Protein backbone atom coordinates (compact mmCIF):
# COMPACT_ATOMS: atom_id res chain seq x y z
CA MET A 1 -50.53 15.04 5.84
CA LYS A 2 -47.33 13.94 4.05
CA SER A 3 -44.53 16.30 3.17
CA ALA A 4 -43.35 16.79 -0.41
CA TYR A 5 -40.22 14.83 0.49
CA GLU A 6 -42.24 11.82 1.68
CA LEU A 7 -44.39 11.90 -1.46
CA ALA A 8 -41.29 12.08 -3.67
CA MET A 9 -39.71 9.14 -1.83
CA GLU A 10 -42.87 7.07 -2.32
CA ARG A 11 -42.80 7.80 -6.05
CA LEU A 12 -39.15 6.77 -6.23
CA ASP A 13 -39.91 3.50 -4.46
CA LYS A 14 -42.64 2.77 -6.98
CA ASP A 15 -40.29 3.43 -9.91
CA GLY A 16 -37.59 1.21 -8.53
CA PRO A 17 -36.72 0.27 -4.99
CA THR A 18 -33.41 1.54 -3.71
CA VAL A 19 -30.69 -1.05 -3.58
CA SER A 20 -28.54 -1.26 -0.51
CA LEU A 21 -25.02 -2.45 -1.15
CA THR A 22 -22.74 -4.35 1.16
CA ASP A 23 -19.30 -3.05 2.03
CA GLU A 24 -17.79 -5.74 -0.19
CA GLN A 25 -19.94 -4.63 -3.13
CA ARG A 26 -18.97 -1.00 -2.59
CA ALA A 27 -15.29 -1.99 -2.51
CA ALA A 28 -15.68 -4.08 -5.67
CA LEU A 29 -17.42 -1.21 -7.47
CA ALA A 30 -14.68 1.21 -6.41
CA GLU A 31 -12.02 -1.22 -7.62
CA LEU A 32 -13.80 -1.58 -10.98
CA ASP A 33 -13.93 2.21 -11.34
CA SER A 34 -10.23 2.46 -10.57
CA VAL A 35 -9.23 -0.29 -13.00
CA TYR A 36 -11.34 1.09 -15.83
CA GLN A 37 -10.13 4.65 -15.28
CA ALA A 38 -6.58 3.35 -15.62
CA LYS A 39 -7.45 1.39 -18.78
CA LEU A 40 -9.10 4.45 -20.30
CA ALA A 41 -6.17 6.70 -19.41
CA GLU A 42 -3.74 4.21 -20.94
CA LYS A 43 -5.67 4.05 -24.20
CA GLU A 44 -6.14 7.81 -24.36
CA ILE A 45 -2.44 8.50 -23.77
CA PHE A 46 -1.47 6.05 -26.50
CA LEU A 47 -4.01 7.41 -28.99
CA GLN A 48 -3.21 11.06 -28.18
CA ASP A 49 0.43 10.29 -28.95
CA GLN A 50 -0.58 8.69 -32.25
CA ILE A 51 -2.83 11.65 -33.07
CA GLY A 52 0.05 14.02 -32.32
CA LYS A 53 2.28 12.14 -34.74
CA ALA A 54 -0.44 12.20 -37.39
CA ILE A 55 -0.89 15.96 -36.90
CA GLU A 56 2.84 16.47 -37.45
CA THR A 57 2.64 14.62 -40.75
CA GLY A 58 -0.64 16.28 -41.72
CA ASP A 59 -2.43 12.94 -42.21
CA MET A 60 -6.02 14.06 -41.64
CA GLU A 61 -7.48 10.65 -42.49
CA THR A 62 -5.42 8.97 -39.78
CA ILE A 63 -6.36 11.68 -37.28
CA ALA A 64 -10.06 11.12 -37.94
CA SER A 65 -9.61 7.36 -37.72
CA LEU A 66 -7.78 7.60 -34.39
CA GLU A 67 -10.42 9.94 -32.97
CA ARG A 68 -13.14 7.47 -33.99
CA GLN A 69 -11.13 4.69 -32.37
CA MET A 70 -10.81 6.72 -29.16
CA THR A 71 -14.56 7.29 -29.07
CA ALA A 72 -15.24 3.61 -29.71
CA ASP A 73 -12.77 2.57 -27.01
CA ARG A 74 -14.41 4.92 -24.49
CA ASN A 75 -17.85 3.54 -25.33
CA ASN A 76 -16.70 -0.08 -25.18
CA LEU A 77 -14.95 0.41 -21.85
CA ALA A 78 -17.97 2.23 -20.42
CA ALA A 79 -20.32 -0.55 -21.52
CA ASP A 80 -18.00 -3.25 -20.17
CA LEU A 81 -17.63 -1.38 -16.87
CA GLU A 82 -21.38 -0.97 -16.49
CA SER A 83 -22.06 -4.66 -17.17
CA LYS A 84 -19.46 -5.68 -14.58
CA LYS A 85 -20.88 -3.20 -12.08
CA GLU A 86 -24.36 -4.59 -12.66
CA ALA A 87 -23.04 -8.11 -12.00
CA VAL A 88 -21.56 -6.92 -8.70
CA ARG A 89 -24.79 -5.13 -7.74
CA SER A 90 -26.93 -8.18 -8.47
CA LYS A 91 -24.86 -10.50 -6.25
CA LYS A 92 -26.36 -10.95 -2.83
């Protein structure tokens, strides 16, 4: 008789086999994470500064625009990061 753990692992294998990564792939993925975290931090610092200036002047339209830009930048960077990570994972 199989344990619940063994049954769960079988179901996971059916859904999608686990992918084992090489040390080089792990290092490349870690480097991508580091680079994209830095890019995101750079953009957020810049935009937060711009938002602060807009708050001082009371320009609500600019504040909203900058917040939308920050959200779009986060989404674009996340999508770009994920596509690059997928490329690294698919290399054998």
